């Protein structure tokens, strides 16, 4: 049996193939374990949610509401409503929950340490998504175009050439059927937009006929059922709505004849029941 190789130690090595006795091995082991075996753990960073709940996030890995707001130059209080407008979040009883679209873009659902507040953090990959960046920019600026004023003016003139009918709330629309839809939404007390750009990635820009922020509902009126080109575009748009899991109400001439019977029922399917 060999002796310990530590200078000044004359004890025997307990096992064949070892160079240190147990006493010397034990004395050196804590130093080796601290410098070699102990993993480096990144220190957690305390983040505050919108409602003041404290959560633990690993610094640099996830984007909180506050960090997204700082990135876009927005108040943190505006970030979640914008994400909800894009269909990435839903308002919950205690906070916010990610939708399937949000989860697909890297959202991670979290629960606060106190009170069970729900909130969402995001993978940095969300900042590489062109549609997300474009939509946030549009919503944050309240402007759908960065074109020069003269180009915007020309666009408005061209648009109004086809929009010949004015509704009770001041919208210019393209058909008498759209007048009926717009006026119905107005008198039902539902805020709505006309010809709103869809927040989706497509070969060319797509616009809905009407959009209701409450419930994030899109309405399409299909009015030219006998035109082949129109029908092809109709199927393309329907595929966009389905692929992006957008909430769509489809109206035809049959619905237009009695909107009071059809629209309340269709809206209730998406949770809008407070119709005046």
C-alpha atoms as a PDB file:
ATOM      1  CA  UNK A   1       0.000   0.000   0.000  1.00  0.00           C
ATOM      2  CA  UNK A   2       1.479   3.390  -1.062  1.00  0.00           C
ATOM      3  CA  UNK A   3       1.974   6.453   1.135  1.00  0.00           C
ATOM      4  CA  UNK A   4       0.230   9.836   0.752  1.00  0.00           C
ATOM      5  CA  UNK A   5       2.074  12.167  -1.623  1.00  0.00           C
ATOM      6  CA  UNK A   6       1.379  15.285   0.486  1.00  0.00           C
ATOM      7  CA  UNK A   7       4.763  16.635   1.792  1.00  0.00           C
ATOM      8  CA  UNK A   8       5.238  15.802   5.495  1.00  0.00           C
ATOM      9  CA  UNK A   9       2.384  13.232   5.567  1.00  0.00           C
ATOM     10  CA  UNK A  10       3.329   9.602   6.264  1.00  0.00           C
ATOM     11  CA  UNK A  11      -0.171   8.089   6.228  1.00  0.00           C
ATOM     12  CA  UNK A  12      -1.117   5.287   3.881  1.00  0.00           C
ATOM     13  CA  UNK A  13      -3.468   5.729   0.906  1.00  0.00           C
ATOM     14  CA  UNK A  14      -6.688   3.819   1.525  1.00  0.00           C
ATOM     15  CA  UNK A  15      -7.419   2.725  -2.053  1.00  0.00           C
ATOM     16  CA  UNK A  16      -5.271   1.558  -4.923  1.00  0.00           C
ATOM     17  CA  UNK A  17      -4.724   4.217  -7.580  1.00  0.00           C
ATOM     18  CA  UNK A  18      -5.242   7.179  -5.193  1.00  0.00           C
ATOM     19  CA  UNK A  19      -2.398   9.558  -4.293  1.00  0.00           C
ATOM     20  CA  UNK A  20      -3.816  11.138  -1.115  1.00  0.00           C
ATOM     21  CA  UNK A  21      -4.784   9.752   2.236  1.00  0.00           C
ATOM     22  CA  UNK A  22      -8.328  10.390   3.431  1.00  0.00           C
ATOM     23  CA  UNK A  23      -7.314  13.267   5.743  1.00  0.00           C
ATOM     24  CA  UNK A  24      -5.441  15.152   3.031  1.00  0.00           C
ATOM     25  CA  UNK A  25      -8.106  14.428   0.426  1.00  0.00           C
ATOM     26  CA  UNK A  26     -10.834  15.795   2.733  1.00  0.00           C
ATOM     27  CA  UNK A  27      -8.787  18.921   3.473  1.00  0.00           C
ATOM     28  CA  UNK A  28      -8.371  19.728  -0.231  1.00  0.00           C
ATOM     29  CA  UNK A  29     -11.823  18.620  -1.418  1.00  0.00           C
ATOM     30  CA  UNK A  30     -13.875  21.728  -0.268  1.00  0.00           C
ATOM     31  CA  UNK A  31     -11.563  24.044  -2.246  1.00  0.00           C
ATOM     32  CA  UNK A  32     -11.813  21.917  -5.383  1.00  0.00           C
ATOM     33  CA  UNK A  33     -15.611  21.651  -5.059  1.00  0.00           C
ATOM     34  CA  UNK A  34     -16.040  25.385  -4.629  1.00  0.00           C
ATOM     35  CA  UNK A  35     -13.933  26.251  -7.665  1.00  0.00           C
ATOM     36  CA  UNK A  36     -14.830  23.386 -10.010  1.00  0.00           C
ATOM     37  CA  UNK A  37     -18.042  21.637  -9.045  1.00  0.00           C
ATOM     38  CA  UNK A  38     -20.190  24.551  -7.885  1.00  0.00           C
ATOM     39  CA  UNK A  39     -22.386  25.841 -10.739  1.00  0.00           C
ATOM     40  CA  UNK A  40     -22.584  29.552 -11.510  1.00  0.00           C
ATOM     41  CA  UNK A  41     -26.161  30.722 -10.979  1.00  0.00           C
ATOM     42  CA  UNK A  42     -27.315  34.022 -12.385  1.00  0.00           C
ATOM     43  CA  UNK A  43     -28.777  36.234  -9.686  1.00  0.00           C
ATOM     44  CA  UNK A  44     -32.539  36.709 -10.046  1.00  0.00           C
ATOM     45  CA  UNK A  45     -33.836  40.184 -10.677  1.00  0.00           C
ATOM     46  CA  UNK A  46     -36.973  41.525  -9.017  1.00  0.00           C
ATOM     47  CA  UNK A  47     -39.505  42.871 -11.508  1.00  0.00           C
ATOM     48  CA  UNK A  48     -42.695  44.799 -10.735  1.00  0.00           C
ATOM     49  CA  UNK A  49     -45.828  43.885 -12.637  1.00  0.00           C
ATOM     50  CA  UNK A  50     -48.448  46.427 -13.705  1.00  0.00           C
ATOM     51  CA  UNK A  51     -50.432  45.843 -10.511  1.00  0.00           C
ATOM     52  CA  UNK A  52     -47.373  46.027  -8.271  1.00  0.00           C
ATOM     53  CA  UNK A  53     -46.883  42.300  -7.808  1.00  0.00           C
ATOM     54  CA  UNK A  54     -43.272  41.205  -7.458  1.00  0.00           C
ATOM     55  CA  UNK A  55     -41.972  38.360  -9.586  1.00  0.00           C
ATOM     56  CA  UNK A  56     -38.636  36.684 -10.158  1.00  0.00           C
ATOM     57  CA  UNK A  57     -37.158  36.692 -13.634  1.00  0.00           C
ATOM     58  CA  UNK A  58     -33.707  35.726 -14.821  1.00  0.00           C
ATOM     59  CA  UNK A  59     -32.056  38.910 -16.030  1.00  0.00           C
ATOM     60  CA  UNK A  60     -31.681  39.122 -19.802  1.00  0.00           C
ATOM     61  CA  UNK A  61     -33.866  36.110 -20.662  1.00  0.00           C
ATOM     62  CA  UNK A  62     -37.421  37.419 -20.486  1.00  0.00           C
ATOM     63  CA  UNK A  63     -39.040  40.728 -21.337  1.00  0.00           C
ATOM     64  CA  UNK A  64     -41.479  42.085 -18.792  1.00  0.00           C
ATOM     65  CA  UNK A  65     -44.139  44.684 -19.517  1.00  0.00           C
ATOM     66  CA  UNK A  66     -41.847  47.344 -18.118  1.00  0.00           C
ATOM     67  CA  UNK A  67     -38.942  46.319 -20.346  1.00  0.00           C
ATOM     68  CA  UNK A  68     -41.138  46.189 -23.450  1.00  0.00           C
ATOM     69  CA  UNK A  69     -42.427  49.648 -22.629  1.00  0.00           C
ATOM     70  CA  UNK A  70     -38.888  50.954 -22.267  1.00  0.00           C
ATOM     71  CA  UNK A  71     -37.935  49.379 -25.596  1.00  0.00           C
ATOM     72  CA  UNK A  72     -40.798  51.068 -27.459  1.00  0.00           C
ATOM     73  CA  UNK A  73     -40.715  54.288 -25.471  1.00  0.00           C
ATOM     74  CA  UNK A  74     -44.147  53.643 -23.980  1.00  0.00           C
ATOM     75  CA  UNK A  75     -45.595  53.748 -20.516  1.00  0.00           C
ATOM     76  CA  UNK A  76     -45.806  50.249 -19.063  1.00  0.00           C
ATOM     77  CA  UNK A  77     -49.526  50.879 -18.519  1.00  0.00           C
ATOM     78  CA  UNK A  78     -50.055  51.070 -22.298  1.00  0.00           C
ATOM     79  CA  UNK A  79     -48.169  47.918 -23.257  1.00  0.00           C
ATOM     80  CA  UNK A  80     -50.677  45.245 -22.216  1.00  0.00           C
ATOM     81  CA  UNK A  81     -53.678  47.022 -23.838  1.00  0.00           C
ATOM     82  CA  UNK A  82     -51.687  47.240 -27.076  1.00  0.00           C
ATOM     83  CA  UNK A  83     -50.798  43.547 -26.903  1.00  0.00           C
ATOM     84  CA  UNK A  84     -54.458  42.762 -26.215  1.00  0.00           C
ATOM     85  CA  UNK A  85     -55.456  44.839 -29.241  1.00  0.00           C
ATOM     86  CA  UNK A  86     -53.173  42.611 -31.323  1.00  0.00           C
ATOM     87  CA  UNK A  87     -54.896  39.497 -29.986  1.00  0.00           C
ATOM     88  CA  UNK A  88     -51.839  38.389 -27.977  1.00  0.00           C
ATOM     89  CA  UNK A  89     -53.349  38.874 -24.506  1.00  0.00           C
ATOM     90  CA  UNK A  90     -56.727  38.644 -22.825  1.00  0.00           C
ATOM     91  CA  UNK A  91     -57.756  40.610 -19.744  1.00  0.00           C
ATOM     92  CA  UNK A  92     -58.341  38.286 -16.808  1.00  0.00           C
ATOM     93  CA  UNK A  93     -60.005  38.860 -13.449  1.00  0.00           C
ATOM     94  CA  UNK A  94     -56.571  39.245 -11.873  1.00  0.00           C
ATOM     95  CA  UNK A  95     -54.198  40.494 -14.531  1.00  0.00           C
ATOM     96  CA  UNK A  96     -53.541  39.234 -18.068  1.00  0.00           C
ATOM     97  CA  UNK A  97     -53.348  35.852 -19.795  1.00  0.00           C
ATOM     98  CA  UNK A  98     -51.637  34.953 -23.054  1.00  0.00           C
ATOM     99  CA  UNK A  99     -53.762  33.878 -26.006  1.00  0.00           C
ATOM    100  CA  UNK A 100     -52.708  31.036 -28.348  1.00  0.00           C
ATOM    101  CA  UNK A 101     -51.352  33.705 -30.725  1.00  0.00           C
ATOM    102  CA  UNK A 102     -49.355  35.212 -27.879  1.00  0.00           C
ATOM    103  CA  UNK A 103     -47.937  31.847 -26.855  1.00  0.00           C
ATOM    104  CA  UNK A 104     -46.895  31.242 -30.460  1.00  0.00           C
ATOM    105  CA  UNK A 105     -44.938  34.515 -30.352  1.00  0.00           C
ATOM    106  CA  UNK A 106     -43.013  33.499 -27.235  1.00  0.00           C
ATOM    107  CA  UNK A 107     -45.302  34.554 -24.393  1.00  0.00           C
ATOM    108  CA  UNK A 108     -44.893  32.792 -21.047  1.00  0.00           C
ATOM    109  CA  UNK A 109     -47.679  32.831 -18.492  1.00  0.00           C
ATOM    110  CA  UNK A 110     -46.716  33.735 -14.921  1.00  0.00           C
ATOM    111  CA  UNK A 111     -48.414  34.099 -11.546  1.00  0.00           C
ATOM    112  CA  UNK A 112     -47.467  36.819  -9.059  1.00  0.00           C
ATOM    113  CA  UNK A 113     -46.138  35.892  -5.644  1.00  0.00           C
ATOM    114  CA  UNK A 114     -48.995  37.654  -3.884  1.00  0.00           C
ATOM    115  CA  UNK A 115     -52.700  37.557  -4.580  1.00  0.00           C
ATOM    116  CA  UNK A 116     -52.475  35.229  -7.576  1.00  0.00           C
ATOM    117  CA  UNK A 117     -52.097  38.064 -10.109  1.00  0.00           C
ATOM    118  CA  UNK A 118     -51.561  36.714 -13.621  1.00  0.00           C
ATOM    119  CA  UNK A 119     -49.116  38.348 -15.982  1.00  0.00           C
ATOM    120  CA  UNK A 120     -47.110  37.536 -19.091  1.00  0.00           C
ATOM    121  CA  UNK A 121     -43.433  37.802 -19.980  1.00  0.00           C
ATOM    122  CA  UNK A 122     -41.977  37.507 -23.460  1.00  0.00           C
ATOM    123  CA  UNK A 123     -39.064  35.832 -25.190  1.00  0.00           C
ATOM    124  CA  UNK A 124     -36.680  38.352 -26.828  1.00  0.00           C
ATOM    125  CA  UNK A 125     -37.548  36.647 -30.126  1.00  0.00           C
ATOM    126  CA  UNK A 126     -40.793  38.611 -30.150  1.00  0.00           C
ATOM    127  CA  UNK A 127     -38.744  41.691 -31.050  1.00  0.00           C
ATOM    128  CA  UNK A 128     -37.664  39.994 -34.280  1.00  0.00           C
ATOM    129  CA  UNK A 129     -41.238  39.513 -35.466  1.00  0.00           C
ATOM    130  CA  UNK A 130     -41.906  42.066 -38.213  1.00  0.00           C
ATOM    131  CA  UNK A 131     -45.691  41.993 -37.900  1.00  0.00           C
ATOM    132  CA  UNK A 132     -45.504  42.464 -34.150  1.00  0.00           C
ATOM    133  CA  UNK A 133     -43.129  45.420 -34.456  1.00  0.00           C
ATOM    134  CA  UNK A 134     -45.156  47.044 -37.215  1.00  0.00           C
ATOM    135  CA  UNK A 135     -48.448  46.632 -35.384  1.00  0.00           C
ATOM    136  CA  UNK A 136     -47.076  47.976 -32.095  1.00  0.00           C
ATOM    137  CA  UNK A 137     -45.598  50.953 -33.934  1.00  0.00           C
ATOM    138  CA  UNK A 138     -48.914  51.727 -35.626  1.00  0.00           C
ATOM    139  CA  UNK A 139     -50.913  51.386 -32.424  1.00  0.00           C
ATOM    140  CA  UNK A 140     -48.388  53.292 -30.351  1.00  0.00           C
ATOM    141  CA  UNK A 141     -48.237  56.213 -32.762  1.00  0.00           C
ATOM    142  CA  UNK A 142     -51.935  56.229 -33.560  1.00  0.00           C
ATOM    143  CA  UNK A 143     -51.013  56.494 -37.227  1.00  0.00           C
ATOM    144  CA  UNK A 144     -51.246  53.801 -39.895  1.00  0.00           C
ATOM    145  CA  UNK A 145     -48.816  55.413 -42.299  1.00  0.00           C
ATOM    146  CA  UNK A 146     -45.446  57.083 -42.198  1.00  0.00           C
ATOM    147  CA  UNK A 147     -45.875  58.503 -45.670  1.00  0.00           C
ATOM    148  CA  UNK A 148     -45.432  62.177 -46.487  1.00  0.00           C
ATOM    149  CA  UNK A 149     -48.563  64.339 -46.081  1.00  0.00           C
ATOM    150  CA  UNK A 150     -49.120  64.731 -49.816  1.00  0.00           C
ATOM    151  CA  UNK A 151     -49.086  60.967 -50.318  1.00  0.00           C
ATOM    152  CA  UNK A 152     -51.483  60.470 -47.418  1.00  0.00           C
ATOM    153  CA  UNK A 153     -53.781  63.077 -48.917  1.00  0.00           C
ATOM    154  CA  UNK A 154     -53.734  61.319 -52.281  1.00  0.00           C
ATOM    155  CA  UNK A 155     -54.537  58.054 -50.564  1.00  0.00           C
ATOM    156  CA  UNK A 156     -57.525  59.591 -48.791  1.00  0.00           C
ATOM    157  CA  UNK A 157     -58.808  61.069 -52.039  1.00  0.00           C
ATOM    158  CA  UNK A 158     -58.459  57.739 -53.806  1.00  0.00           C
ATOM    159  CA  UNK A 159     -60.142  55.933 -50.910  1.00  0.00           C
ATOM    160  CA  UNK A 160     -63.101  58.317 -50.820  1.00  0.00           C
ATOM    161  CA  UNK A 161     -63.654  57.858 -54.552  1.00  0.00           C
ATOM    162  CA  UNK A 162     -64.868  54.337 -53.772  1.00  0.00           C
ATOM    163  CA  UNK A 163     -66.467  55.193 -50.422  1.00  0.00           C
ATOM    164  CA  UNK A 164     -69.558  57.098 -51.550  1.00  0.00           C
ATOM    165  CA  UNK A 165     -71.878  56.553 -48.607  1.00  0.00           C
ATOM    166  CA  UNK A 166     -71.652  58.321 -45.258  1.00  0.00           C
ATOM    167  CA  UNK A 167     -72.885  56.676 -42.062  1.00  0.00           C
ATOM    168  CA  UNK A 168     -74.438  58.214 -38.944  1.00  0.00           C
ATOM    169  CA  UNK A 169     -71.102  58.256 -37.124  1.00  0.00           C
ATOM    170  CA  UNK A 170     -69.262  59.890 -40.016  1.00  0.00           C
ATOM    171  CA  UNK A 171     -67.617  56.890 -41.667  1.00  0.00           C
ATOM    172  CA  UNK A 172     -67.445  56.817 -45.456  1.00  0.00           C
ATOM    173  CA  UNK A 173     -68.251  53.307 -46.707  1.00  0.00           C
ATOM    174  CA  UNK A 174     -68.524  51.636 -50.078  1.00  0.00           C
ATOM    175  CA  UNK A 175     -72.018  50.152 -50.177  1.00  0.00           C
ATOM    176  CA  UNK A 176     -75.517  50.581 -48.793  1.00  0.00           C
ATOM    177  CA  UNK A 177     -75.137  47.249 -46.996  1.00  0.00           C
ATOM    178  CA  UNK A 178     -72.083  48.599 -45.167  1.00  0.00           C
ATOM    179  CA  UNK A 179     -74.098  51.684 -44.201  1.00  0.00           C
ATOM    180  CA  UNK A 180     -76.646  49.406 -42.534  1.00  0.00           C
ATOM    181  CA  UNK A 181     -73.935  47.458 -40.687  1.00  0.00           C
ATOM    182  CA  UNK A 182     -72.105  50.574 -39.549  1.00  0.00           C
ATOM    183  CA  UNK A 183     -75.284  52.298 -38.365  1.00  0.00           C
ATOM    184  CA  UNK A 184     -76.408  49.160 -36.525  1.00  0.00           C
ATOM    185  CA  UNK A 185     -73.090  48.993 -34.624  1.00  0.00           C
ATOM    186  CA  UNK A 186     -73.274  52.716 -33.864  1.00  0.00           C
ATOM    187  CA  UNK A 187     -76.787  52.621 -32.426  1.00  0.00           C
ATOM    188  CA  UNK A 188     -75.958  49.426 -30.512  1.00  0.00           C
ATOM    189  CA  UNK A 189     -73.290  51.438 -28.692  1.00  0.00           C
ATOM    190  CA  UNK A 190     -70.375  49.400 -30.076  1.00  0.00           C
ATOM    191  CA  UNK A 191     -67.195  51.307 -30.925  1.00  0.00           C
ATOM    192  CA  UNK A 192     -65.885  50.124 -34.269  1.00  0.00           C
ATOM    193  CA  UNK A 193     -63.405  50.855 -37.029  1.00  0.00           C
ATOM    194  CA  UNK A 194     -63.899  50.646 -40.782  1.00  0.00           C
ATOM    195  CA  UNK A 195     -61.321  49.242 -43.211  1.00  0.00           C
ATOM    196  CA  UNK A 196     -58.829  48.360 -40.467  1.00  0.00           C
ATOM    197  CA  UNK A 197     -55.611  46.624 -41.496  1.00  0.00           C
ATOM    198  CA  UNK A 198     -55.343  43.056 -40.256  1.00  0.00           C
ATOM    199  CA  UNK A 199     -52.389  42.394 -37.888  1.00  0.00           C
ATOM    200  CA  UNK A 200     -51.187  39.412 -39.924  1.00  0.00           C
ATOM    201  CA  UNK A 201     -48.309  38.552 -42.192  1.00  0.00           C
ATOM    202  CA  UNK A 202     -49.422  38.194 -45.804  1.00  0.00           C
ATOM    203  CA  UNK A 203     -48.124  38.750 -49.331  1.00  0.00           C
ATOM    204  CA  UNK A 204     -50.218  41.897 -49.574  1.00  0.00           C
ATOM    205  CA  UNK A 205     -51.971  44.031 -46.975  1.00  0.00           C
ATOM    206  CA  UNK A 206     -55.405  42.814 -45.956  1.00  0.00           C
ATOM    207  CA  UNK A 207     -58.193  44.945 -44.454  1.00  0.00           C
ATOM    208  CA  UNK A 208     -61.369  43.929 -42.689  1.00  0.00           C
ATOM    209  CA  UNK A 209     -64.702  45.626 -43.330  1.00  0.00           C
ATOM    210  CA  UNK A 210     -65.331  46.379 -39.646  1.00  0.00           C
ATOM    211  CA  UNK A 211     -63.442  45.839 -36.410  1.00  0.00           C
ATOM    212  CA  UNK A 212     -64.912  45.900 -32.880  1.00  0.00           C
ATOM    213  CA  UNK A 213     -62.234  46.463 -30.201  1.00  0.00           C
ATOM    214  CA  UNK A 214     -64.501  45.037 -27.510  1.00  0.00           C
ATOM    215  CA  UNK A 215     -63.935  41.343 -28.002  1.00  0.00           C
ATOM    216  CA  UNK A 216     -61.462  41.915 -30.875  1.00  0.00           C
ATOM    217  CA  UNK A 217     -64.062  40.924 -33.453  1.00  0.00           C
ATOM    218  CA  UNK A 218     -63.718  41.343 -37.204  1.00  0.00           C
ATOM    219  CA  UNK A 219     -66.720  41.614 -39.513  1.00  0.00           C
ATOM    220  CA  UNK A 220     -66.684  40.827 -43.210  1.00  0.00           C
ATOM    221  CA  UNK A 221     -69.595  41.491 -45.525  1.00  0.00           C
ATOM    222  CA  UNK A 222     -69.431  39.279 -48.609  1.00  0.00           C
ATOM    223  CA  UNK A 223     -71.411  41.131 -51.224  1.00  0.00           C
ATOM    224  CA  UNK A 224     -70.236  39.972 -54.665  1.00  0.00           C
ATOM    225  CA  UNK A 225     -70.912  36.257 -54.632  1.00  0.00           C
ATOM    226  CA  UNK A 226     -71.168  36.025 -58.437  1.00  0.00           C
ATOM    227  CA  UNK A 227     -67.680  37.365 -59.266  1.00  0.00           C
ATOM    228  CA  UNK A 228     -64.909  34.758 -59.566  1.00  0.00           C
ATOM    229  CA  UNK A 229     -62.095  37.175 -58.670  1.00  0.00           C
ATOM    230  CA  UNK A 230     -63.988  38.370 -55.611  1.00  0.00           C
ATOM    231  CA  UNK A 231     -64.699  34.795 -54.482  1.00  0.00           C
ATOM    232  CA  UNK A 232     -61.003  33.894 -54.789  1.00  0.00           C
ATOM    233  CA  UNK A 233     -60.036  36.879 -52.645  1.00  0.00           C
ATOM    234  CA  UNK A 234     -62.783  35.947 -50.181  1.00  0.00           C
ATOM    235  CA  UNK A 235     -61.254  32.504 -49.667  1.00  0.00           C
ATOM    236  CA  UNK A 236     -57.790  34.017 -49.227  1.00  0.00           C
ATOM    237  CA  UNK A 237     -59.051  36.333 -46.504  1.00  0.00           C
ATOM    238  CA  UNK A 238     -60.997  33.591 -44.764  1.00  0.00           C
ATOM    239  CA  UNK A 239     -57.804  31.516 -44.686  1.00  0.00           C
ATOM    240  CA  UNK A 240     -55.937  34.462 -43.117  1.00  0.00           C
ATOM    241  CA  UNK A 241     -58.532  34.795 -40.386  1.00  0.00           C
ATOM    242  CA  UNK A 242     -58.415  31.075 -39.648  1.00  0.00           C
ATOM    243  CA  UNK A 243     -54.623  30.754 -39.724  1.00  0.00           C
ATOM    244  CA  UNK A 244     -54.211  33.667 -37.318  1.00  0.00           C
ATOM    245  CA  UNK A 245     -57.108  32.617 -35.059  1.00  0.00           C
ATOM    246  CA  UNK A 246     -58.891  35.948 -35.452  1.00  0.00           C
ATOM    247  CA  UNK A 247     -62.528  36.214 -34.381  1.00  0.00           C
ATOM    248  CA  UNK A 248     -64.577  36.634 -37.532  1.00  0.00           C
ATOM    249  CA  UNK A 249     -68.252  37.323 -38.159  1.00  0.00           C
ATOM    250  CA  UNK A 250     -69.295  36.778 -41.771  1.00  0.00           C
ATOM    251  CA  UNK A 251     -72.337  38.558 -43.153  1.00  0.00           C
ATOM    252  CA  UNK A 252     -74.166  38.026 -46.436  1.00  0.00           C
ATOM    253  CA  UNK A 253     -77.173  39.665 -48.058  1.00  0.00           C
ATOM    254  CA  UNK A 254     -79.388  37.271 -46.119  1.00  0.00           C
ATOM    255  CA  UNK A 255     -78.114  38.729 -42.826  1.00  0.00           C
ATOM    256  CA  UNK A 256     -78.403  42.305 -44.073  1.00  0.00           C
ATOM    257  CA  UNK A 257     -82.155  41.915 -44.544  1.00  0.00           C
ATOM    258  CA  UNK A 258     -82.599  41.672 -40.775  1.00  0.00           C
ATOM    259  CA  UNK A 259     -79.500  42.595 -38.776  1.00  0.00           C
ATOM    260  CA  UNK A 260     -81.541  42.838 -35.563  1.00  0.00           C
ATOM    261  CA  UNK A 261     -82.114  39.092 -35.681  1.00  0.00           C
ATOM    262  CA  UNK A 262     -78.618  38.030 -36.719  1.00  0.00           C
ATOM    263  CA  UNK A 263     -75.946  40.358 -35.303  1.00  0.00           C
ATOM    264  CA  UNK A 264     -76.857  40.047 -31.585  1.00  0.00           C
ATOM    265  CA  UNK A 265     -76.691  36.252 -31.850  1.00  0.00           C
ATOM    266  CA  UNK A 266     -73.372  36.322 -33.694  1.00  0.00           C
ATOM    267  CA  UNK A 267     -71.854  38.812 -31.267  1.00  0.00           C
ATOM    268  CA  UNK A 268     -72.918  36.806 -28.214  1.00  0.00           C
ATOM    269  CA  UNK A 269     -70.801  33.914 -29.492  1.00  0.00           C
ATOM    270  CA  UNK A 270     -67.773  36.107 -28.786  1.00  0.00           C
ATOM    271  CA  UNK A 271     -68.957  37.312 -25.404  1.00  0.00           C
ATOM    272  CA  UNK A 272     -70.624  40.616 -26.326  1.00  0.00           C
ATOM    273  CA  UNK A 273     -73.930  40.547 -24.546  1.00  0.00           C
ATOM    274  CA  UNK A 274     -74.297  44.164 -23.389  1.00  0.00           C
ATOM    275  CA  UNK A 275     -75.956  45.345 -26.589  1.00  0.00           C
ATOM    276  CA  UNK A 276     -78.242  48.346 -26.160  1.00  0.00           C
END
